[in-house]
Amino acid sequence: MVPAIHPYIAMVPEGVSAHTREFAEAAASPAGLRAMVLAAKCLAATGAELLTDPTLMDAVKREFEGGAEEV
C-alpha cells in the first residue's frame, strides 16, 4: 500500500465517456496534449511540495498510518 491521489483533468466536454471514439480523438488532439502537460505539472508540483515541506510530509505519513488528521 502507498499513499495516492486520483485527480481528474478535463480533456473532453462533459458527457463524453472514456473508452469511446470521441475520447480517443480528443486524446490525440492539441486539447489532449494540453491536458497531459497540465496533469504532469500538477503531479510534479505535488511532489515538489511534499519534498520541500517536512510538516506536510509528516502530516501525510500520520494520516496514511491511520491518524485522523486532515491534510
Foldseek 3Di string as FASTA:
>chain_A
DDDDDDDDFDQDPPPDDPPDPRNVVSCPDPSVVVSVVVVVVVVVVVVVCCVVDVVVVVQVVCVVVPDPDDD
